[in-house]
Amino acid sequence: MERPAPEMEVTLREFTEADAEALFSWASDPRVVLFQRREAYARLDEARRYILDHVLPHPWYRAICVGGAVVGSISVKLDPAEERGGRHSSRASVGYRVAHGYWGRGIATRAVGVAADAVFAEWPWLVRLEAMADVENPASQRVLEKAGFVREGVLRSYVVLKGRPRDMVMFSFVDSDREKTKPVEAHGE
């Protein structure tokens, strides 16, 4: 497979407080937050506060970068129910968002693939990585399928987004899937 041009190379890195403007650029866009629990940000300080209060303390939250520019974010969260009692969780969930100007270029797909490779390497006890996409968000469903995730089914009225029950499509990527899929063409940490 051909390597992407350097300006389209997708990398992941940890966030810093200095990334607040970049985060605000997509977190203030109603198209980007349409399928998220929160509304679009109205002020830059909301993005800065989110980075300080949520992103920096998070165990695995990364900036998606293209050609060095921060164009999105991706996070992986261990299942808290399994973390009780000092055990490592065998299951985690991934979520991602990309600035509207970068949609349709394979960036999210490459970022999800890099993130999956990274968390399975960093957390050797991890067995299953899950992701959910709104039934009305076929683009996100395609991202997950192209990244090697398997569609498992529809969870009816699974979450309430902005006051409305939503059906979600559950996807999974299990440790043994890594042997079956070709690596996604991208570069990460």
N, C-alpha and C. Protein backbone atom coordinates (compact mmCIF):
# COMPACT_ATOMS: atom_id res chain seq x y z
N MET A 1 0.84 -1.18 0.00
CA MET A 1 0.00 0.00 0.00
C MET A 1 0.89 1.25 0.00
N GLU A 2 0.46 2.25 -0.72
CA GLU A 2 1.23 3.49 -0.81
C GLU A 2 1.17 4.27 0.49
N ARG A 3 2.27 4.86 0.85
CA ARG A 3 2.31 5.72 2.04
C ARG A 3 1.59 7.02 1.75
N PRO A 4 0.82 7.56 2.71
CA PRO A 4 0.16 8.84 2.48
C PRO A 4 1.20 9.96 2.40
N ALA A 5 0.85 11.01 1.69
CA ALA A 5 1.72 12.18 1.63
C ALA A 5 1.92 12.70 3.04
N PRO A 6 3.11 13.31 3.34
CA PRO A 6 3.37 13.78 4.70
C PRO A 6 2.29 14.69 5.26
N GLU A 7 1.67 15.50 4.41
CA GLU A 7 0.63 16.40 4.90
C GLU A 7 -0.65 15.66 5.27
N MET A 8 -0.77 14.37 4.88
CA MET A 8 -1.93 13.57 5.23
C MET A 8 -1.59 12.46 6.23
N GLU A 9 -0.36 12.43 6.71
CA GLU A 9 0.05 11.43 7.68
C GLU A 9 -0.71 11.65 8.99
N VAL A 10 -1.30 10.59 9.50
CA VAL A 10 -2.08 10.66 10.73
C VAL A 10 -1.23 10.17 11.89
N THR A 11 -1.09 11.00 12.91
CA THR A 11 -0.38 10.60 14.13
C THR A 11 -1.26 10.93 15.32
N LEU A 12 -0.97 10.30 16.43
CA LEU A 12 -1.66 10.56 17.69
C LEU A 12 -0.64 11.03 18.70
N ARG A 13 -1.03 12.00 19.52
CA ARG A 13 -0.16 12.47 20.60
C ARG A 13 -1.02 12.93 21.76
N GLU A 14 -0.39 13.05 22.92
CA GLU A 14 -1.11 13.54 24.09
C GLU A 14 -1.47 15.01 23.89
N PHE A 15 -2.60 15.40 24.46
CA PHE A 15 -3.03 16.79 24.42
C PHE A 15 -2.22 17.63 25.39
N THR A 16 -2.18 18.93 25.13
CA THR A 16 -1.67 19.91 26.08
C THR A 16 -2.71 21.02 26.18
N GLU A 17 -2.58 21.85 27.17
CA GLU A 17 -3.51 22.97 27.32
C GLU A 17 -3.44 23.89 26.10
N ALA A 18 -2.30 23.94 25.44
CA ALA A 18 -2.13 24.78 24.25
C ALA A 18 -3.00 24.33 23.07
N ASP A 19 -3.61 23.15 23.16
CA ASP A 19 -4.46 22.65 22.09
C ASP A 19 -5.91 23.13 22.20
N ALA A 20 -6.19 24.01 23.13
CA ALA A 20 -7.57 24.46 23.37
C ALA A 20 -8.20 25.08 22.12
N GLU A 21 -7.46 25.91 21.39
CA GLU A 21 -8.03 26.53 20.19
C GLU A 21 -8.37 25.49 19.13
N ALA A 22 -7.50 24.52 18.95
CA ALA A 22 -7.77 23.46 17.97
C ALA A 22 -9.01 22.67 18.38
N LEU A 23 -9.09 22.29 19.65
CA LEU A 23 -10.25 21.55 20.13
C LEU A 23 -11.51 22.38 19.95
N PHE A 24 -11.44 23.66 20.28
CA PHE A 24 -12.60 24.54 20.14
C PHE A 24 -13.07 24.61 18.69
N SER A 25 -12.13 24.55 17.74
CA SER A 25 -12.51 24.68 16.33
C SER A 25 -13.47 23.59 15.87
N TRP A 26 -13.37 22.38 16.42
CA TRP A 26 -14.35 21.36 16.04
C TRP A 26 -15.41 21.16 17.11
N ALA A 27 -15.10 21.42 18.38
CA ALA A 27 -16.09 21.23 19.44
C ALA A 27 -17.16 22.32 19.42
N SER A 28 -16.92 23.38 18.66
CA SER A 28 -17.92 24.44 18.52
C SER A 28 -18.75 24.26 17.24
N ASP A 29 -18.48 23.22 16.49
CA ASP A 29 -19.17 22.96 15.22
C ASP A 29 -20.32 21.99 15.46
N PRO A 30 -21.57 22.45 15.28
CA PRO A 30 -22.72 21.57 15.51
C PRO A 30 -22.69 20.29 14.68
N ARG A 31 -22.08 20.30 13.51
CA ARG A 31 -21.99 19.09 12.68
C ARG A 31 -21.13 18.04 13.36
N VAL A 32 -20.06 18.47 14.02
CA VAL A 32 -19.14 17.52 14.66
C VAL A 32 -19.74 16.95 15.94
N VAL A 33 -20.48 17.74 16.68
CA VAL A 33 -21.03 17.28 17.97
C VAL A 33 -22.45 16.74 17.86
N LEU A 34 -22.96 16.61 16.64
CA LEU A 34 -24.34 16.17 16.43
C LEU A 34 -24.65 14.87 17.16
N PHE A 35 -23.74 13.90 17.13
CA PHE A 35 -23.99 12.60 17.75
C PHE A 35 -23.26 12.45 19.09
N GLN A 36 -22.97 13.56 19.75
CA GLN A 36 -22.33 13.53 21.07
C GLN A 36 -23.33 13.99 22.12
N ARG A 37 -23.03 13.69 23.37
CA ARG A 37 -23.95 14.05 24.47
C ARG A 37 -24.00 15.56 24.71
N ARG A 38 -22.90 16.24 24.46
CA ARG A 38 -22.86 17.66 24.79
C ARG A 38 -23.15 18.52 23.56
N GLU A 39 -23.55 19.74 23.85
CA GLU A 39 -23.81 20.72 22.79
C GLU A 39 -22.48 21.32 22.33
N ALA A 40 -22.53 22.04 21.22
CA ALA A 40 -21.33 22.71 20.70
C ALA A 40 -20.89 23.79 21.69
N TYR A 41 -19.57 23.92 21.84
CA TYR A 41 -19.04 24.97 22.71
C TYR A 41 -19.31 26.34 22.10
N ALA A 42 -19.55 27.31 22.98
CA ALA A 42 -19.77 28.68 22.54
C ALA A 42 -18.54 29.56 22.82
N ARG A 43 -17.67 29.11 23.74
CA ARG A 43 -16.52 29.94 24.15
C ARG A 43 -15.26 29.09 24.24
N LEU A 44 -14.16 29.69 23.93
CA LEU A 44 -12.86 29.03 23.97
C LEU A 44 -12.54 28.50 25.37
N ASP A 45 -12.94 29.21 26.41
CA ASP A 45 -12.62 28.76 27.76
C ASP A 45 -13.31 27.42 28.09
N GLU A 46 -14.40 27.07 27.40
CA GLU A 46 -15.03 25.77 27.60
C GLU A 46 -14.09 24.66 27.11
N ALA A 47 -13.45 24.88 25.99
CA ALA A 47 -12.50 23.90 25.47
C ALA A 47 -11.29 23.78 26.39
N ARG A 48 -10.78 24.89 26.86
CA ARG A 48 -9.63 24.87 27.77
C ARG A 48 -9.99 24.13 29.05
N ARG A 49 -11.15 24.41 29.60
CA ARG A 49 -11.60 23.75 30.84
C ARG A 49 -11.76 22.24 30.61
N TYR A 50 -12.29 21.86 29.46
CA TYR A 50 -12.46 20.45 29.14
C TYR A 50 -11.11 19.74 29.09
N ILE A 51 -10.13 20.38 28.49
CA ILE A 51 -8.79 19.78 28.44
C ILE A 51 -8.23 19.61 29.85
N LEU A 52 -8.35 20.64 30.66
CA LEU A 52 -7.79 20.59 32.01
C LEU A 52 -8.52 19.59 32.91
N ASP A 53 -9.85 19.59 32.84
CA ASP A 53 -10.64 18.78 33.77
C ASP A 53 -10.87 17.34 33.30
N HIS A 54 -10.89 17.13 31.99
CA HIS A 54 -11.26 15.81 31.49
C HIS A 54 -10.14 15.13 30.69
N VAL A 55 -9.55 15.85 29.76
CA VAL A 55 -8.59 15.25 28.84
C VAL A 55 -7.27 14.90 29.54
N LEU A 56 -6.66 15.87 30.21
CA LEU A 56 -5.34 15.62 30.82
C LEU A 56 -5.37 14.54 31.89
N PRO A 57 -6.41 14.45 32.75
CA PRO A 57 -6.42 13.37 33.74
C PRO A 57 -6.82 12.00 33.16
N HIS A 58 -7.34 11.98 31.95
CA HIS A 58 -7.83 10.74 31.34
C HIS A 58 -6.65 9.81 31.05
N PRO A 59 -6.81 8.50 31.26
CA PRO A 59 -5.69 7.58 31.05
C PRO A 59 -5.28 7.41 29.58
N TRP A 60 -6.22 7.62 28.63
CA TRP A 60 -5.84 7.44 27.22
C TRP A 60 -6.71 8.34 26.34
N TYR A 61 -6.29 9.58 26.20
CA TYR A 61 -6.99 10.58 25.39
C TYR A 61 -5.94 11.25 24.52
N ARG A 62 -6.08 11.17 23.19
CA ARG A 62 -5.04 11.65 22.29
C ARG A 62 -5.58 12.63 21.26
N ALA A 63 -4.71 13.52 20.82
CA ALA A 63 -5.01 14.42 19.71
C ALA A 63 -4.74 13.66 18.42
N ILE A 64 -5.66 13.79 17.47
CA ILE A 64 -5.44 13.25 16.13
C ILE A 64 -4.79 14.38 15.33
N CYS A 65 -3.62 14.10 14.79
CA CYS A 65 -2.87 15.13 14.06
C CYS A 65 -2.69 14.71 12.60
N VAL A 66 -2.79 15.68 11.72
CA VAL A 66 -2.52 15.49 10.30
C VAL A 66 -1.49 16.53 9.91
N GLY A 67 -0.34 16.06 9.45
CA GLY A 67 0.72 16.99 9.09
C GLY A 67 1.11 17.90 10.25
N GLY A 68 0.98 17.41 11.48
CA GLY A 68 1.34 18.19 12.66
C GLY A 68 0.20 19.01 13.24
N ALA A 69 -0.88 19.24 12.49
CA ALA A 69 -2.02 20.03 12.98
C ALA A 69 -3.01 19.12 13.72
N VAL A 70 -3.52 19.61 14.85
CA VAL A 70 -4.51 18.86 15.62
C VAL A 70 -5.87 19.04 14.93
N VAL A 71 -6.44 17.91 14.46
CA VAL A 71 -7.70 17.96 13.71
C VAL A 71 -8.81 17.13 14.35
N GLY A 72 -8.54 16.54 15.50
CA GLY A 72 -9.55 15.73 16.15
C GLY A 72 -9.02 15.13 17.43
N SER A 73 -9.84 14.27 18.01
CA SER A 73 -9.42 13.60 19.24
C SER A 73 -9.96 12.18 19.25
N ILE A 74 -9.29 11.35 20.01
CA ILE A 74 -9.69 9.96 20.16
C ILE A 74 -9.37 9.54 21.59
N SER A 75 -10.29 8.81 22.19
CA SER A 75 -10.05 8.37 23.57
C SER A 75 -10.46 6.91 23.71
N VAL A 76 -9.81 6.25 24.64
CA VAL A 76 -10.14 4.87 24.98
C VAL A 76 -10.34 4.81 26.48
N LYS A 77 -11.48 4.27 26.86
CA LYS A 77 -11.85 4.22 28.28
C LYS A 77 -12.06 2.76 28.69
N LEU A 78 -11.36 2.35 29.74
CA LEU A 78 -11.55 1.01 30.28
C LEU A 78 -12.92 0.90 30.91
N ASP A 79 -13.51 -0.27 30.88
CA ASP A 79 -14.82 -0.50 31.47
C ASP A 79 -14.72 -0.39 32.99
N PRO A 80 -15.34 0.63 33.58
CA PRO A 80 -15.19 0.82 35.04
C PRO A 80 -15.79 -0.32 35.86
N ALA A 81 -16.79 -1.00 35.35
CA ALA A 81 -17.38 -2.12 36.10
C ALA A 81 -16.38 -3.24 36.29
N GLU A 82 -15.50 -3.44 35.33
CA GLU A 82 -14.51 -4.50 35.43
C GLU A 82 -13.27 -4.08 36.21
N GLU A 83 -13.09 -2.78 36.40
CA GLU A 83 -11.90 -2.27 37.08
C GLU A 83 -11.99 -2.43 38.60
N ARG A 84 -13.16 -2.70 39.11
CA ARG A 84 -13.34 -2.83 40.56
C ARG A 84 -12.54 -4.00 41.12
N GLY A 85 -12.16 -3.89 42.35
CA GLY A 85 -11.46 -4.97 43.03
C GLY A 85 -10.02 -5.15 42.60
N GLY A 86 -9.43 -4.12 41.98
CA GLY A 86 -8.04 -4.18 41.61
C GLY A 86 -7.73 -4.97 40.36
N ARG A 87 -8.77 -5.45 39.67
CA ARG A 87 -8.55 -6.20 38.43
C ARG A 87 -8.41 -5.23 37.26
N HIS A 88 -7.67 -5.64 36.26
CA HIS A 88 -7.62 -4.89 35.01
C HIS A 88 -8.84 -5.25 34.19
N SER A 89 -9.41 -4.25 33.53
CA SER A 89 -10.54 -4.49 32.67
C SER A 89 -10.10 -5.18 31.39
N SER A 90 -10.86 -6.17 30.97
CA SER A 90 -10.56 -6.85 29.72
C SER A 90 -11.26 -6.16 28.55
N ARG A 91 -12.06 -5.13 28.86
CA ARG A 91 -12.86 -4.45 27.85
C ARG A 91 -12.69 -2.94 27.96
N ALA A 92 -12.65 -2.29 26.79
CA ALA A 92 -12.55 -0.83 26.74
C ALA A 92 -13.39 -0.33 25.58
N SER A 93 -13.70 0.97 25.60
CA SER A 93 -14.47 1.56 24.50
C SER A 93 -13.68 2.73 23.91
N VAL A 94 -13.84 2.90 22.60
CA VAL A 94 -13.14 3.96 21.89
C VAL A 94 -14.17 4.95 21.34
N GLY A 95 -13.81 6.22 21.40
CA GLY A 95 -14.62 7.28 20.82
C GLY A 95 -13.72 8.26 20.10
N TYR A 96 -14.22 8.89 19.07
CA TYR A 96 -13.39 9.79 18.27
C TYR A 96 -14.25 10.89 17.66
N ARG A 97 -13.58 11.98 17.29
CA ARG A 97 -14.21 13.10 16.58
C ARG A 97 -13.16 13.78 15.74
N VAL A 98 -13.56 14.21 14.56
CA VAL A 98 -12.64 14.85 13.62
C VAL A 98 -13.29 16.12 13.09
N ALA A 99 -12.51 17.17 12.94
CA ALA A 99 -13.01 18.44 12.40
C ALA A 99 -13.68 18.22 11.04
N HIS A 100 -14.77 18.92 10.81
CA HIS A 100 -15.56 18.74 9.59
C HIS A 100 -14.73 18.87 8.31
N GLY A 101 -13.81 19.79 8.26
CA GLY A 101 -12.98 19.99 7.08
C GLY A 101 -12.11 18.79 6.74
N TYR A 102 -12.01 17.82 7.64
CA TYR A 102 -11.17 16.64 7.42
C TYR A 102 -11.99 15.37 7.23
N TRP A 103 -13.31 15.49 7.17
CA TRP A 103 -14.16 14.32 6.97
C TRP A 103 -13.94 13.75 5.57
N GLY A 104 -14.13 12.44 5.45
CA GLY A 104 -14.11 11.79 4.16
C GLY A 104 -12.72 11.54 3.58
N ARG A 105 -11.68 11.68 4.39
CA ARG A 105 -10.32 11.49 3.90
C ARG A 105 -9.62 10.27 4.51
N GLY A 106 -10.34 9.49 5.28
CA GLY A 106 -9.75 8.29 5.90
C GLY A 106 -8.99 8.58 7.18
N ILE A 107 -9.05 9.80 7.66
CA ILE A 107 -8.29 10.19 8.86
C ILE A 107 -8.80 9.47 10.10
N ALA A 108 -10.11 9.46 10.29
CA ALA A 108 -10.68 8.78 11.46
C ALA A 108 -10.37 7.28 11.41
N THR A 109 -10.48 6.68 10.23
CA THR A 109 -10.18 5.26 10.09
C THR A 109 -8.74 4.97 10.50
N ARG A 110 -7.81 5.77 10.01
CA ARG A 110 -6.41 5.54 10.36
C ARG A 110 -6.18 5.79 11.85
N ALA A 111 -6.81 6.82 12.42
CA ALA A 111 -6.65 7.10 13.85
C ALA A 111 -7.19 5.96 14.71
N VAL A 112 -8.34 5.41 14.34
CA VAL A 112 -8.91 4.29 15.09
C VAL A 112 -7.97 3.09 15.02
N GLY A 113 -7.41 2.82 13.86
CA GLY A 113 -6.47 1.70 13.72
C GLY A 113 -5.22 1.88 14.56
N VAL A 114 -4.67 3.09 14.56
CA VAL A 114 -3.48 3.38 15.37
C VAL A 114 -3.81 3.25 16.85
N ALA A 115 -4.96 3.79 17.25
CA ALA A 115 -5.36 3.72 18.66
C ALA A 115 -5.55 2.26 19.10
N ALA A 116 -6.20 1.46 18.27
CA ALA A 116 -6.41 0.05 18.62
C ALA A 116 -5.07 -0.67 18.80
N ASP A 117 -4.16 -0.46 17.85
CA ASP A 117 -2.83 -1.08 17.98
C ASP A 117 -2.14 -0.63 19.26
N ALA A 118 -2.24 0.66 19.56
CA ALA A 118 -1.55 1.21 20.73
C ALA A 118 -2.11 0.66 22.04
N VAL A 119 -3.44 0.64 22.18
CA VAL A 119 -3.98 0.19 23.47
C VAL A 119 -3.80 -1.30 23.68
N PHE A 120 -3.89 -2.09 22.62
CA PHE A 120 -3.62 -3.52 22.80
C PHE A 120 -2.16 -3.75 23.18
N ALA A 121 -1.25 -2.91 22.69
CA ALA A 121 0.17 -3.04 23.06
C ALA A 121 0.41 -2.53 24.49
N GLU A 122 -0.23 -1.41 24.86
CA GLU A 122 -0.02 -0.82 26.19
C GLU A 122 -0.73 -1.57 27.30
N TRP A 123 -1.85 -2.18 26.99
CA TRP A 123 -2.66 -2.89 27.98
C TRP A 123 -2.75 -4.37 27.57
N PRO A 124 -1.75 -5.17 27.88
CA PRO A 124 -1.73 -6.56 27.42
C PRO A 124 -2.89 -7.40 27.95
N TRP A 125 -3.56 -6.98 28.97
CA TRP A 125 -4.70 -7.69 29.53
C TRP A 125 -5.98 -7.41 28.73
N LEU A 126 -5.97 -6.42 27.85
CA LEU A 126 -7.15 -6.04 27.08
C LEU A 126 -7.51 -7.14 26.09
N VAL A 127 -8.80 -7.51 26.05
CA VAL A 127 -9.27 -8.55 25.15
C VAL A 127 -10.21 -7.98 24.08
N ARG A 128 -10.98 -6.95 24.46
CA ARG A 128 -12.04 -6.44 23.59
C ARG A 128 -12.06 -4.92 23.59
N LEU A 129 -12.11 -4.33 22.40
CA LEU A 129 -12.27 -2.89 22.22
C LEU A 129 -13.62 -2.68 21.54
N GLU A 130 -14.48 -1.88 22.18
CA GLU A 130 -15.81 -1.63 21.66
C GLU A 130 -15.92 -0.21 21.12
N ALA A 131 -16.87 -0.02 20.22
CA ALA A 131 -17.21 1.31 19.74
C ALA A 131 -18.69 1.30 19.37
N MET A 132 -19.34 2.42 19.57
CA MET A 132 -20.74 2.55 19.19
C MET A 132 -20.88 3.72 18.23
N ALA A 133 -21.77 3.55 17.28
CA ALA A 133 -22.09 4.62 16.34
C ALA A 133 -23.61 4.73 16.26
N ASP A 134 -24.09 5.94 16.22
CA ASP A 134 -25.52 6.18 16.09
C ASP A 134 -26.02 5.54 14.80
N VAL A 135 -27.22 4.96 14.82
CA VAL A 135 -27.76 4.33 13.61
C VAL A 135 -27.91 5.34 12.48
N GLU A 136 -28.03 6.60 12.81
CA GLU A 136 -28.18 7.65 11.79
C GLU A 136 -26.83 8.26 11.39
N ASN A 137 -25.73 7.62 11.79
CA ASN A 137 -24.39 8.10 11.45
C ASN A 137 -23.65 7.02 10.65
N PRO A 138 -24.04 6.82 9.39
CA PRO A 138 -23.40 5.77 8.59
C PRO A 138 -21.91 6.03 8.34
N ALA A 139 -21.49 7.29 8.32
CA ALA A 139 -20.07 7.58 8.10
C ALA A 139 -19.22 7.02 9.24
N SER A 140 -19.68 7.17 10.47
CA SER A 140 -18.93 6.63 11.61
C SER A 140 -18.96 5.10 11.58
N GLN A 141 -20.05 4.52 11.16
CA GLN A 141 -20.12 3.07 11.03
C GLN A 141 -19.09 2.57 10.01
N ARG A 142 -18.96 3.29 8.88
CA ARG A 142 -17.97 2.91 7.87
C ARG A 142 -16.55 3.03 8.40
N VAL A 143 -16.28 4.08 9.18
CA VAL A 143 -14.96 4.26 9.79
C VAL A 143 -14.59 3.00 10.56
N LEU A 144 -15.49 2.55 11.41
CA LEU A 144 -15.21 1.39 12.26
C LEU A 144 -15.03 0.12 11.43
N GLU A 145 -15.88 -0.08 10.44
CA GLU A 145 -15.75 -1.27 9.60
C GLU A 145 -14.43 -1.26 8.84
N LYS A 146 -14.03 -0.11 8.30
CA LYS A 146 -12.77 -0.02 7.56
C LYS A 146 -11.57 -0.22 8.47
N ALA A 147 -11.73 0.12 9.76
CA ALA A 147 -10.64 -0.07 10.73
C ALA A 147 -10.58 -1.51 11.24
N GLY A 148 -11.48 -2.38 10.76
CA GLY A 148 -11.43 -3.78 11.14
C GLY A 148 -12.39 -4.18 12.24
N PHE A 149 -13.24 -3.26 12.70
CA PHE A 149 -14.22 -3.58 13.73
C PHE A 149 -15.36 -4.38 13.11
N VAL A 150 -15.97 -5.23 13.91
CA VAL A 150 -17.07 -6.09 13.47
C VAL A 150 -18.38 -5.54 14.03
N ARG A 151 -19.35 -5.36 13.14
CA ARG A 151 -20.68 -4.91 13.56
C ARG A 151 -21.37 -6.06 14.28
N GLU A 152 -21.84 -5.79 15.51
CA GLU A 152 -22.47 -6.85 16.30
C GLU A 152 -23.99 -6.74 16.32
N GLY A 153 -24.51 -5.53 16.25
CA GLY A 153 -25.96 -5.38 16.29
C GLY A 153 -26.38 -4.00 16.75
N VAL A 154 -27.69 -3.80 16.75
CA VAL A 154 -28.26 -2.52 17.14
C VAL A 154 -28.77 -2.62 18.58
N LEU A 155 -28.39 -1.66 19.38
CA LEU A 155 -28.87 -1.55 20.76
C LEU A 155 -29.95 -0.47 20.76
N ARG A 156 -31.18 -0.88 20.92
CA ARG A 156 -32.30 0.05 20.81
C ARG A 156 -32.41 0.96 22.03
N SER A 157 -32.65 2.25 21.76
CA SER A 157 -32.79 3.27 22.81
C SER A 157 -31.69 3.12 23.86
N TYR A 158 -30.46 2.95 23.41
CA TYR A 158 -29.34 2.64 24.30
C TYR A 158 -28.81 3.85 25.05
N VAL A 159 -28.80 5.00 24.42
CA VAL A 159 -28.33 6.22 25.08
C VAL A 159 -29.34 7.34 24.84
N VAL A 160 -29.28 8.33 25.71
CA VAL A 160 -30.07 9.53 25.52
C VAL A 160 -29.10 10.63 25.13
N LEU A 161 -29.27 11.13 23.92
CA LEU A 161 -28.43 12.22 23.43
C LEU A 161 -29.29 13.46 23.26
N LYS A 162 -28.92 14.49 24.00
CA LYS A 162 -29.63 15.77 23.90
C LYS A 162 -31.13 15.59 24.12
N GLY A 163 -31.45 14.78 25.13
CA GLY A 163 -32.83 14.58 25.52
C GLY A 163 -33.63 13.59 24.70
N ARG A 164 -32.99 12.88 23.78
CA ARG A 164 -33.71 11.96 22.90
C ARG A 164 -33.08 10.58 22.94
N PRO A 165 -33.87 9.52 23.21
CA PRO A 165 -33.32 8.16 23.17
C PRO A 165 -32.81 7.84 21.77
N ARG A 166 -31.63 7.20 21.71
CA ARG A 166 -31.00 6.92 20.41
C ARG A 166 -30.65 5.44 20.31
N ASP A 167 -30.87 4.88 19.12
CA ASP A 167 -30.41 3.52 18.82
C ASP A 167 -28.95 3.61 18.42
N MET A 168 -28.15 2.67 18.91
CA MET A 168 -26.72 2.66 18.63
C MET A 168 -26.32 1.32 18.01
N VAL A 169 -25.36 1.37 17.10
CA VAL A 169 -24.81 0.16 16.51
C VAL A 169 -23.54 -0.17 17.28
N MET A 170 -23.48 -1.39 17.81
CA MET A 170 -22.31 -1.84 18.58
C MET A 170 -21.33 -2.52 17.63
N PHE A 171 -20.05 -2.12 17.77
CA PHE A 171 -18.95 -2.71 17.02
C PHE A 171 -17.92 -3.21 18.02
N SER A 172 -17.14 -4.22 17.61
CA SER A 172 -16.06 -4.68 18.47
C SER A 172 -14.85 -5.05 17.64
N PHE A 173 -13.73 -4.98 18.32
CA PHE A 173 -12.45 -5.43 17.77
C PHE A 173 -11.81 -6.20 18.91
N VAL A 174 -11.59 -7.49 18.70
CA VAL A 174 -11.02 -8.30 19.78
C VAL A 174 -9.57 -8.62 19.45
N ASP A 175 -8.85 -8.98 20.48
CA ASP A 175 -7.41 -9.21 20.34
C ASP A 175 -7.09 -10.14 19.16
N SER A 176 -7.87 -11.20 18.99
CA SER A 176 -7.59 -12.14 17.89
C SER A 176 -7.85 -11.53 16.52
N ASP A 177 -8.62 -10.45 16.42
CA ASP A 177 -8.86 -9.78 15.14
C ASP A 177 -7.57 -9.15 14.60
N ARG A 178 -6.65 -8.84 15.49
CA ARG A 178 -5.41 -8.20 15.05
C ARG A 178 -4.62 -9.10 14.12
N GLU A 179 -4.72 -10.38 14.31
CA GLU A 179 -4.01 -11.33 13.44
C GLU A 179 -4.67 -11.45 12.08
N LYS A 180 -5.99 -11.18 12.01
CA LYS A 180 -6.75 -11.35 10.78
C LYS A 180 -6.73 -10.12 9.88
N THR A 181 -6.47 -8.96 10.46
CA THR A 181 -6.57 -7.72 9.69
C THR A 181 -5.19 -7.19 9.35
N LYS A 182 -5.11 -6.56 8.20
CA LYS A 182 -3.87 -5.89 7.82
C LYS A 182 -3.77 -4.61 8.65
N PRO A 183 -2.58 -4.18 9.02
CA PRO A 183 -2.45 -2.94 9.76
C PRO A 183 -2.99 -1.78 8.93
N VAL A 184 -3.66 -0.85 9.61
CA VAL A 184 -4.14 0.35 8.96
C VAL A 184 -2.92 1.21 8.65
N GLU A 185 -2.85 1.78 7.48
CA GLU A 185 -1.69 2.58 7.05
C GLU A 185 -1.70 3.91 7.80
N ALA A 186 -0.95 4.00 8.87
CA ALA A 186 -0.85 5.23 9.66
C ALA A 186 0.33 5.12 10.58
N HIS A 187 0.62 6.21 11.21
CA HIS A 187 1.76 6.25 12.14
C HIS A 187 1.29 6.87 13.43
N GLY A 188 1.67 6.31 14.55
CA GLY A 188 1.25 6.82 15.85
C GLY A 188 2.44 6.98 16.74
N GLU A 189 2.10 7.10 18.01
CA GLU A 189 3.12 7.35 19.02
C GLU A 189 4.17 6.26 19.03
